[in-house]
């Protein structure tokens, strides 16, 4: 079995969160609002491009390529092999 590991870039994550904040891009959940200080600054950073399709020389653009999402929405974004878009998942919310 061959695995490809992509290093997560903490600087890209930081730039993404500075731009988009700490609320989920899909459901708008905010951990600090829900849990107070304990939830402050907690959120996942989701790659809009499926990492398996990205070459080794790829450089992440934190504004174009990342979005903050809660863990539940992050799991749903990856529910299929191909993944789904933030916009598609958002359209399913009732």
PDB file of N, CA and C in Angstrom:
ATOM      1  N   UNK A   1       0.844  -1.169   0.000  1.00  0.00           N
ATOM      2  CA  UNK A   1       0.000   0.000   0.000  1.00  0.00           C
ATOM      3  C   UNK A   1       0.893   1.237   0.000  1.00  0.00           C
ATOM      4  N   UNK A   2       0.552   2.199  -0.836  1.00  0.00           N
ATOM      5  CA  UNK A   2       1.291   3.449  -0.910  1.00  0.00           C
ATOM      6  C   UNK A   2       0.464   4.548  -0.280  1.00  0.00           C
ATOM      7  N   UNK A   3       1.065   5.284   0.596  1.00  0.00           N
ATOM      8  CA  UNK A   3       0.391   6.415   1.227  1.00  0.00           C
ATOM      9  C   UNK A   3       1.137   7.690   0.888  1.00  0.00           C
ATOM     10  N   UNK A   4       0.399   8.743   0.680  1.00  0.00           N
ATOM     11  CA  UNK A   4       0.999  10.052   0.468  1.00  0.00           C
ATOM     12  C   UNK A   4       0.614  10.923   1.645  1.00  0.00           C
ATOM     13  N   UNK A   5       1.581  11.516   2.278  1.00  0.00           N
ATOM     14  CA  UNK A   5       1.320  12.354   3.431  1.00  0.00           C
ATOM     15  C   UNK A   5       1.560  13.806   3.040  1.00  0.00           C
ATOM     16  N   UNK A   6       0.558  14.636   3.294  1.00  0.00           N
ATOM     17  CA  UNK A   6       0.678  16.067   3.033  1.00  0.00           C
ATOM     18  C   UNK A   6       0.816  16.773   4.363  1.00  0.00           C
ATOM     19  N   UNK A   7       1.850  17.544   4.491  1.00  0.00           N
ATOM     20  CA  UNK A   7       2.071  18.250   5.733  1.00  0.00           C
ATOM     21  C   UNK A   7       1.069  19.385   5.872  1.00  0.00           C
ATOM     22  N   UNK A   8       0.498  19.517   7.022  1.00  0.00           N
ATOM     23  CA  UNK A   8      -0.421  20.611   7.307  1.00  0.00           C
ATOM     24  C   UNK A   8       0.409  21.845   7.615  1.00  0.00           C
ATOM     25  N   UNK A   9       0.012  22.946   7.041  1.00  0.00           N
ATOM     26  CA  UNK A   9       0.762  24.181   7.190  1.00  0.00           C
ATOM     27  C   UNK A   9       0.072  25.067   8.231  1.00  0.00           C
ATOM     28  N   UNK A  10       0.672  25.210   9.425  1.00  0.00           N
ATOM     29  CA  UNK A  10       0.029  26.021  10.468  1.00  0.00           C
ATOM     30  C   UNK A  10      -0.103  27.492  10.076  1.00  0.00           C
ATOM     31  N   UNK A  11       0.793  27.978   9.216  1.00  0.00           N
ATOM     32  CA  UNK A  11       0.706  29.377   8.779  1.00  0.00           C
ATOM     33  C   UNK A  11      -0.489  29.573   7.846  1.00  0.00           C
ATOM     34  N   UNK A  12      -0.738  28.581   6.985  1.00  0.00           N
ATOM     35  CA  UNK A  12      -1.900  28.654   6.092  1.00  0.00           C
ATOM     36  C   UNK A  12      -3.183  28.591   6.912  1.00  0.00           C
ATOM     37  N   UNK A  13      -3.213  27.710   7.885  1.00  0.00           N
ATOM     38  CA  UNK A  13      -4.388  27.598   8.760  1.00  0.00           C
ATOM     39  C   UNK A  13      -4.656  28.938   9.456  1.00  0.00           C
ATOM     40  N   UNK A  14      -3.612  29.537   9.986  1.00  0.00           N
ATOM     41  CA  UNK A  14      -3.745  30.812  10.695  1.00  0.00           C
ATOM     42  C   UNK A  14      -4.283  31.901   9.760  1.00  0.00           C
ATOM     43  N   UNK A  15      -3.754  31.967   8.544  1.00  0.00           N
ATOM     44  CA  UNK A  15      -4.215  32.971   7.585  1.00  0.00           C
ATOM     45  C   UNK A  15      -5.674  32.733   7.203  1.00  0.00           C
ATOM     46  N   UNK A  16      -6.050  31.473   7.034  1.00  0.00           N
ATOM     47  CA  UNK A  16      -7.444  31.130   6.733  1.00  0.00           C
ATOM     48  C   UNK A  16      -8.362  31.625   7.842  1.00  0.00           C
ATOM     49  N   UNK A  17      -7.998  31.340   9.085  1.00  0.00           N
ATOM     50  CA  UNK A  17      -8.848  31.713  10.211  1.00  0.00           C
ATOM     51  C   UNK A  17      -8.866  33.214  10.447  1.00  0.00           C
ATOM     52  N   UNK A  18      -7.772  33.894  10.140  1.00  0.00           N
ATOM     53  CA  UNK A  18      -7.766  35.357  10.237  1.00  0.00           C
ATOM     54  C   UNK A  18      -8.746  35.957   9.231  1.00  0.00           C
ATOM     55  N   UNK A  19      -8.844  35.342   8.056  1.00  0.00           N
ATOM     56  CA  UNK A  19      -9.742  35.827   7.004  1.00  0.00           C
ATOM     57  C   UNK A  19     -11.199  35.448   7.276  1.00  0.00           C
ATOM     58  N   UNK A  20     -11.456  34.173   7.609  1.00  0.00           N
ATOM     59  CA  UNK A  20     -12.823  33.655   7.687  1.00  0.00           C
ATOM     60  C   UNK A  20     -13.373  33.514   9.104  1.00  0.00           C
ATOM     61  N   UNK A  21     -12.521  33.594  10.110  1.00  0.00           N
ATOM     62  CA  UNK A  21     -12.985  33.482  11.485  1.00  0.00           C
ATOM     63  C   UNK A  21     -13.137  32.045  11.935  1.00  0.00           C
ATOM     64  N   UNK A  22     -13.752  31.858  13.103  1.00  0.00           N
ATOM     65  CA  UNK A  22     -13.833  30.552  13.758  1.00  0.00           C
ATOM     66  C   UNK A  22     -15.221  29.938  13.731  1.00  0.00           C
ATOM     67  N   UNK A  23     -16.094  30.443  12.878  1.00  0.00           N
ATOM     68  CA  UNK A  23     -17.413  29.837  12.704  1.00  0.00           C
ATOM     69  C   UNK A  23     -17.376  28.917  11.494  1.00  0.00           C
ATOM     70  N   UNK A  24     -18.115  27.830  11.567  1.00  0.00           N
ATOM     71  CA  UNK A  24     -18.154  26.845  10.488  1.00  0.00           C
ATOM     72  C   UNK A  24     -18.711  27.473   9.211  1.00  0.00           C
ATOM     73  N   UNK A  25     -18.021  27.263   8.108  1.00  0.00           N
ATOM     74  CA  UNK A  25     -18.452  27.793   6.807  1.00  0.00           C
ATOM     75  C   UNK A  25     -19.706  27.113   6.287  1.00  0.00           C
ATOM     76  N   UNK A  26     -20.054  25.972   6.857  1.00  0.00           N
ATOM     77  CA  UNK A  26     -21.249  25.250   6.421  1.00  0.00           C
ATOM     78  C   UNK A  26     -22.439  25.587   7.325  1.00  0.00           C
ATOM     79  N   UNK A  27     -22.330  25.301   8.619  1.00  0.00           N
ATOM     80  CA  UNK A  27     -23.480  25.427   9.531  1.00  0.00           C
ATOM     81  C   UNK A  27     -23.413  26.643  10.451  1.00  0.00           C
ATOM     82  N   UNK A  28     -22.309  27.376  10.406  1.00  0.00           N
ATOM     83  CA  UNK A  28     -22.111  28.591  11.200  1.00  0.00           C
ATOM     84  C   UNK A  28     -21.909  28.321  12.695  1.00  0.00           C
ATOM     85  N   UNK A  29     -21.676  27.052  13.070  1.00  0.00           N
ATOM     86  CA  UNK A  29     -21.440  26.743  14.481  1.00  0.00           C
ATOM     87  C   UNK A  29     -20.138  27.389  14.937  1.00  0.00           C
ATOM     88  N   UNK A  30     -20.149  27.945  16.133  1.00  0.00           N
ATOM     89  CA  UNK A  30     -18.962  28.572  16.709  1.00  0.00           C
ATOM     90  C   UNK A  30     -18.743  27.980  18.103  1.00  0.00           C
ATOM     91  N   UNK A  31     -17.602  27.332  18.294  1.00  0.00           N
ATOM     92  CA  UNK A  31     -17.328  26.652  19.557  1.00  0.00           C
ATOM     93  C   UNK A  31     -17.241  27.604  20.732  1.00  0.00           C
ATOM     94  N   UNK A  32     -16.699  28.788  20.537  1.00  0.00           N
ATOM     95  CA  UNK A  32     -16.605  29.742  21.644  1.00  0.00           C
ATOM     96  C   UNK A  32     -18.000  30.212  22.073  1.00  0.00           C
ATOM     97  N   UNK A  33     -18.884  30.447  21.117  1.00  0.00           N
ATOM     98  CA  UNK A  33     -20.245  30.862  21.465  1.00  0.00           C
ATOM     99  C   UNK A  33     -20.974  29.759  22.218  1.00  0.00           C
ATOM    100  N   UNK A  34     -20.704  28.510  21.853  1.00  0.00           N
ATOM    101  CA  UNK A  34     -21.393  27.381  22.480  1.00  0.00           C
ATOM    102  C   UNK A  34     -20.770  26.986  23.814  1.00  0.00           C
ATOM    103  N   UNK A  35     -19.437  27.017  23.905  1.00  0.00           N
ATOM    104  CA  UNK A  35     -18.735  26.488  25.073  1.00  0.00           C
ATOM    105  C   UNK A  35     -17.953  27.536  25.864  1.00  0.00           C
ATOM    106  N   UNK A  36     -18.035  28.778  25.450  1.00  0.00           N
ATOM    107  CA  UNK A  36     -17.297  29.820  26.148  1.00  0.00           C
ATOM    108  C   UNK A  36     -15.796  29.707  25.898  1.00  0.00           C
ATOM    109  N   UNK A  37     -15.028  30.139  26.850  1.00  0.00           N
ATOM    110  CA  UNK A  37     -13.571  30.169  26.738  1.00  0.00           C
ATOM    111  C   UNK A  37     -12.989  28.803  26.362  1.00  0.00           C
ATOM    112  N   UNK A  38     -13.615  27.721  26.842  1.00  0.00           N
ATOM    113  CA  UNK A  38     -13.131  26.366  26.562  1.00  0.00           C
ATOM    114  C   UNK A  38     -13.131  26.064  25.061  1.00  0.00           C
ATOM    115  N   UNK A  39     -14.084  26.622  24.327  1.00  0.00           N
ATOM    116  CA  UNK A  39     -14.179  26.376  22.888  1.00  0.00           C
ATOM    117  C   UNK A  39     -13.485  27.399  22.017  1.00  0.00           C
ATOM    118  N   UNK A  40     -12.879  28.401  22.639  1.00  0.00           N
ATOM    119  CA  UNK A  40     -12.244  29.484  21.891  1.00  0.00           C
ATOM    120  C   UNK A  40     -11.162  28.953  20.950  1.00  0.00           C
ATOM    121  N   UNK A  41     -11.201  29.423  19.710  1.00  0.00           N
ATOM    122  CA  UNK A  41     -10.205  29.118  18.671  1.00  0.00           C
ATOM    123  C   UNK A  41     -10.186  27.655  18.245  1.00  0.00           C
ATOM    124  N   UNK A  42     -11.274  26.908  18.502  1.00  0.00           N
ATOM    125  CA  UNK A  42     -11.326  25.527  18.039  1.00  0.00           C
ATOM    126  C   UNK A  42     -12.156  25.446  16.771  1.00  0.00           C
ATOM    127  N   UNK A  43     -11.582  24.913  15.703  1.00  0.00           N
ATOM    128  CA  UNK A  43     -12.265  24.704  14.421  1.00  0.00           C
ATOM    129  C   UNK A  43     -11.306  23.909  13.537  1.00  0.00           C
ATOM    130  N   UNK A  44     -11.835  23.151  12.600  1.00  0.00           N
ATOM    131  CA  UNK A  44     -10.992  22.470  11.613  1.00  0.00           C
ATOM    132  C   UNK A  44     -10.778  23.389  10.424  1.00  0.00           C
ATOM    133  N   UNK A  45      -9.693  23.169   9.691  1.00  0.00           N
ATOM    134  CA  UNK A  45      -9.454  23.867   8.424  1.00  0.00           C
ATOM    135  C   UNK A  45      -9.585  22.828   7.314  1.00  0.00           C
ATOM    136  N   UNK A  46     -10.547  23.028   6.432  1.00  0.00           N
ATOM    137  CA  UNK A  46     -10.847  22.074   5.354  1.00  0.00           C
ATOM    138  C   UNK A  46     -10.206  22.520   4.055  1.00  0.00           C
ATOM    139  N   UNK A  47      -9.525  21.589   3.368  1.00  0.00           N
ATOM    140  CA  UNK A  47      -8.974  21.849   2.036  1.00  0.00           C
ATOM    141  C   UNK A  47     -10.092  21.718   1.014  1.00  0.00           C
ATOM    142  N   UNK A  48     -10.339  22.761   0.246  1.00  0.00           N
ATOM    143  CA  UNK A  48     -11.395  22.729  -0.757  1.00  0.00           C
ATOM    144  C   UNK A  48     -11.041  21.785  -1.904  1.00  0.00           C
ATOM    145  N   UNK A  49      -9.759  21.661  -2.208  1.00  0.00           N
ATOM    146  CA  UNK A  49      -9.299  20.702  -3.216  1.00  0.00           C
ATOM    147  C   UNK A  49      -8.944  19.413  -2.501  1.00  0.00           C
ATOM    148  N   UNK A  50      -9.459  18.307  -3.001  1.00  0.00           N
ATOM    149  CA  UNK A  50      -9.206  17.002  -2.412  1.00  0.00           C
ATOM    150  C   UNK A  50      -7.695  16.752  -2.398  1.00  0.00           C
ATOM    151  N   UNK A  51      -7.119  16.488  -1.243  1.00  0.00           N
ATOM    152  CA  UNK A  51      -5.664  16.345  -1.111  1.00  0.00           C
ATOM    153  C   UNK A  51      -5.095  15.242  -1.989  1.00  0.00           C
ATOM    154  N   UNK A  52      -5.862  14.218  -2.261  1.00  0.00           N
ATOM    155  CA  UNK A  52      -5.367  13.120  -3.091  1.00  0.00           C
ATOM    156  C   UNK A  52      -5.103  13.571  -4.530  1.00  0.00           C
ATOM    157  N   UNK A  53      -5.701  14.692  -4.947  1.00  0.00           N
ATOM    158  CA  UNK A  53      -5.522  15.180  -6.322  1.00  0.00           C
ATOM    159  C   UNK A  53      -4.409  16.215  -6.424  1.00  0.00           C
ATOM    160  N   UNK A  54      -3.804  16.540  -5.314  1.00  0.00           N
ATOM    161  CA  UNK A  54      -2.792  17.601  -5.285  1.00  0.00           C
ATOM    162  C   UNK A  54      -1.402  16.995  -5.399  1.00  0.00           C
ATOM    163  N   UNK A  55      -0.586  17.574  -6.234  1.00  0.00           N
ATOM    164  CA  UNK A  55       0.789  17.112  -6.399  1.00  0.00           C
ATOM    165  C   UNK A  55       1.670  17.556  -5.253  1.00  0.00           C
ATOM    166  N   UNK A  56       2.845  16.979  -5.194  1.00  0.00           N
ATOM    167  CA  UNK A  56       3.774  17.287  -4.097  1.00  0.00           C
ATOM    168  C   UNK A  56       4.242  18.733  -4.106  1.00  0.00           C
ATOM    169  N   UNK A  57       4.258  19.372  -5.275  1.00  0.00           N
ATOM    170  CA  UNK A  57       4.767  20.743  -5.352  1.00  0.00           C
ATOM    171  C   UNK A  57       3.679  21.785  -5.087  1.00  0.00           C
ATOM    172  N   UNK A  58       2.521  21.354  -4.711  1.00  0.00           N
ATOM    173  CA  UNK A  58       1.393  22.250  -4.464  1.00  0.00           C
ATOM    174  C   UNK A  58       1.633  23.136  -3.254  1.00  0.00           C
ATOM    175  N   UNK A  59       1.353  24.416  -3.388  1.00  0.00           N
ATOM    176  CA  UNK A  59       1.438  25.364  -2.285  1.00  0.00           C
ATOM    177  C   UNK A  59       0.028  25.833  -1.951  1.00  0.00           C
ATOM    178  N   UNK A  60      -0.354  25.677  -0.718  1.00  0.00           N
ATOM    179  CA  UNK A  60      -1.705  26.042  -0.285  1.00  0.00           C
ATOM    180  C   UNK A  60      -1.858  27.554  -0.252  1.00  0.00           C
ATOM    181  N   UNK A  61      -2.923  28.039  -0.869  1.00  0.00           N
ATOM    182  CA  UNK A  61      -3.326  29.438  -0.747  1.00  0.00           C
ATOM    183  C   UNK A  61      -4.423  29.441   0.314  1.00  0.00           C
ATOM    184  N   UNK A  62      -4.138  29.957   1.506  1.00  0.00           N
ATOM    185  CA  UNK A  62      -5.085  29.831   2.612  1.00  0.00           C
ATOM    186  C   UNK A  62      -6.437  30.497   2.372  1.00  0.00           C
ATOM    187  N   UNK A  63      -6.477  31.509   1.530  1.00  0.00           N
ATOM    188  CA  UNK A  63      -7.725  32.215   1.271  1.00  0.00           C
ATOM    189  C   UNK A  63      -8.546  31.480   0.211  1.00  0.00           C
ATOM    190  N   UNK A  64      -7.892  30.961  -0.801  1.00  0.00           N
ATOM    191  CA  UNK A  64      -8.581  30.269  -1.894  1.00  0.00           C
ATOM    192  C   UNK A  64      -8.824  28.786  -1.608  1.00  0.00           C
ATOM    193  N   UNK A  65      -7.954  28.147  -0.818  1.00  0.00           N
ATOM    194  CA  UNK A  65      -7.967  26.686  -0.683  1.00  0.00           C
ATOM    195  C   UNK A  65      -8.495  26.145   0.636  1.00  0.00           C
ATOM    196  N   UNK A  66      -8.651  26.976   1.643  1.00  0.00           N
ATOM    197  CA  UNK A  66      -9.069  26.489   2.961  1.00  0.00           C
ATOM    198  C   UNK A  66     -10.329  27.201   3.441  1.00  0.00           C
ATOM    199  N   UNK A  67     -11.125  26.474   4.230  1.00  0.00           N
ATOM    200  CA  UNK A  67     -12.279  27.067   4.894  1.00  0.00           C
ATOM    201  C   UNK A  67     -12.403  26.466   6.287  1.00  0.00           C
ATOM    202  N   UNK A  68     -12.813  27.275   7.269  1.00  0.00           N
ATOM    203  CA  UNK A  68     -13.052  26.721   8.606  1.00  0.00           C
ATOM    204  C   UNK A  68     -14.355  25.936   8.620  1.00  0.00           C
ATOM    205  N   UNK A  69     -14.312  24.745   9.194  1.00  0.00           N
ATOM    206  CA  UNK A  69     -15.516  23.919   9.328  1.00  0.00           C
ATOM    207  C   UNK A  69     -15.484  23.197  10.666  1.00  0.00           C
ATOM    208  N   UNK A  70     -16.666  22.963  11.232  1.00  0.00           N
ATOM    209  CA  UNK A  70     -16.742  22.200  12.476  1.00  0.00           C
ATOM    210  C   UNK A  70     -16.440  20.728  12.165  1.00  0.00           C
ATOM    211  N   UNK A  71     -16.060  19.941  13.155  1.00  0.00           N
ATOM    212  CA  UNK A  71     -15.750  18.526  12.907  1.00  0.00           C
ATOM    213  C   UNK A  71     -16.892  17.741  12.274  1.00  0.00           C
ATOM    214  N   UNK A  72     -18.137  18.017  12.657  1.00  0.00           N
ATOM    215  CA  UNK A  72     -19.267  17.301  12.057  1.00  0.00           C
ATOM    216  C   UNK A  72     -19.379  17.600  10.566  1.00  0.00           C
ATOM    217  N   UNK A  73     -19.334  18.861  10.202  1.00  0.00           N
ATOM    218  CA  UNK A  73     -19.413  19.218   8.789  1.00  0.00           C
ATOM    219  C   UNK A  73     -18.188  18.724   8.034  1.00  0.00           C
ATOM    220  N   UNK A  74     -17.035  18.744   8.671  1.00  0.00           N
ATOM    221  CA  UNK A  74     -15.819  18.252   8.028  1.00  0.00           C
ATOM    222  C   UNK A  74     -15.987  16.773   7.667  1.00  0.00           C
ATOM    223  N   UNK A  75     -16.530  15.993   8.587  1.00  0.00           N
ATOM    224  CA  UNK A  75     -16.776  14.575   8.317  1.00  0.00           C
ATOM    225  C   UNK A  75     -17.766  14.413   7.161  1.00  0.00           C
ATOM    226  N   UNK A  76     -18.802  15.226   7.134  1.00  0.00           N
ATOM    227  CA  UNK A  76     -19.799  15.131   6.065  1.00  0.00           C
ATOM    228  C   UNK A  76     -19.215  15.544   4.713  1.00  0.00           C
ATOM    229  N   UNK A  77     -18.315  16.516   4.706  1.00  0.00           N
ATOM    230  CA  UNK A  77     -17.655  16.927   3.462  1.00  0.00           C
ATOM    231  C   UNK A  77     -16.856  15.782   2.853  1.00  0.00           C
ATOM    232  N   UNK A  78     -16.368  14.888   3.709  1.00  0.00           N
ATOM    233  CA  UNK A  78     -15.553  13.750   3.260  1.00  0.00           C
ATOM    234  C   UNK A  78     -16.342  12.432   3.268  1.00  0.00           C
ATOM    235  N   UNK A  79     -17.640  12.511   3.319  1.00  0.00           N
ATOM    236  CA  UNK A  79     -18.469  11.310   3.425  1.00  0.00           C
ATOM    237  C   UNK A  79     -18.405  10.423   2.182  1.00  0.00           C
ATOM    238  N   UNK A  80     -18.166  11.023   1.028  1.00  0.00           N
ATOM    239  CA  UNK A  80     -18.001  10.245  -0.200  1.00  0.00           C
ATOM    240  C   UNK A  80     -16.527  10.228  -0.577  1.00  0.00           C
ATOM    241  N   UNK A  81     -16.163   9.287  -1.420  1.00  0.00           N
ATOM    242  CA  UNK A  81     -14.759   9.170  -1.847  1.00  0.00           C
ATOM    243  C   UNK A  81     -14.269  10.463  -2.503  1.00  0.00           C
ATOM    244  N   UNK A  82     -15.124  11.075  -3.317  1.00  0.00           N
ATOM    245  CA  UNK A  82     -14.752  12.306  -4.021  1.00  0.00           C
ATOM    246  C   UNK A  82     -14.895  13.540  -3.140  1.00  0.00           C
ATOM    247  N   UNK A  83     -15.662  13.424  -2.075  1.00  0.00           N
ATOM    248  CA  UNK A  83     -15.962  14.576  -1.232  1.00  0.00           C
ATOM    249  C   UNK A  83     -17.032  15.437  -1.881  1.00  0.00           C
ATOM    250  N   UNK A  84     -17.601  16.330  -1.104  1.00  0.00           N
ATOM    251  CA  UNK A  84     -18.603  17.265  -1.627  1.00  0.00           C
ATOM    252  C   UNK A  84     -18.149  18.686  -1.299  1.00  0.00           C
ATOM    253  N   UNK A  85     -18.733  19.643  -1.972  1.00  0.00           N
ATOM    254  CA  UNK A  85     -18.350  21.039  -1.760  1.00  0.00           C
ATOM    255  C   UNK A  85     -19.041  21.616  -0.528  1.00  0.00           C
ATOM    256  N   UNK A  86     -18.454  22.664  -0.013  1.00  0.00           N
ATOM    257  CA  UNK A  86     -19.053  23.402   1.105  1.00  0.00           C
ATOM    258  C   UNK A  86     -20.436  23.895   0.694  1.00  0.00           C
ATOM    259  N   UNK A  87     -20.554  24.401  -0.518  1.00  0.00           N
ATOM    260  CA  UNK A  87     -21.827  24.935  -0.998  1.00  0.00           C
ATOM    261  C   UNK A  87     -22.898  23.846  -1.067  1.00  0.00           C
ATOM    262  N   UNK A  88     -22.521  22.651  -1.576  1.00  0.00           N
ATOM    263  CA  UNK A  88     -23.465  21.552  -1.662  1.00  0.00           C
ATOM    264  C   UNK A  88     -23.951  21.157  -0.267  1.00  0.00           C
ATOM    265  N   UNK A  89     -23.009  20.978   0.659  1.00  0.00           N
ATOM    266  CA  UNK A  89     -23.385  20.568   2.003  1.00  0.00           C
ATOM    267  C   UNK A  89     -24.277  21.614   2.669  1.00  0.00           C
ATOM    268  N   UNK A  90     -23.932  22.865   2.445  1.00  0.00           N
ATOM    269  CA  UNK A  90     -24.736  23.967   3.011  1.00  0.00           C
ATOM    270  C   UNK A  90     -26.165  23.914   2.476  1.00  0.00           C
ATOM    271  N   UNK A  91     -26.322  23.532   1.207  1.00  0.00           N
ATOM    272  CA  UNK A  91     -27.650  23.484   0.593  1.00  0.00           C
ATOM    273  C   UNK A  91     -28.517  22.366   1.190  1.00  0.00           C
ATOM    274  N   UNK A  92     -27.903  21.386   1.845  1.00  0.00           N
ATOM    275  CA  UNK A  92     -28.643  20.287   2.445  1.00  0.00           C
ATOM    276  C   UNK A  92     -29.165  20.596   3.843  1.00  0.00           C
ATOM    277  N   UNK A  93     -28.640  21.635   4.459  1.00  0.00           N
ATOM    278  CA  UNK A  93     -29.072  21.976   5.815  1.00  0.00           C
ATOM    279  C   UNK A  93     -30.530  22.373   5.828  1.00  0.00           C
ATOM    280  N   UNK A  94     -31.226  21.879   6.815  1.00  0.00           N
ATOM    281  CA  UNK A  94     -32.664  22.165   6.942  1.00  0.00           C
ATOM    282  C   UNK A  94     -32.878  23.190   8.030  1.00  0.00           C
TER     283      UNK A  94
END
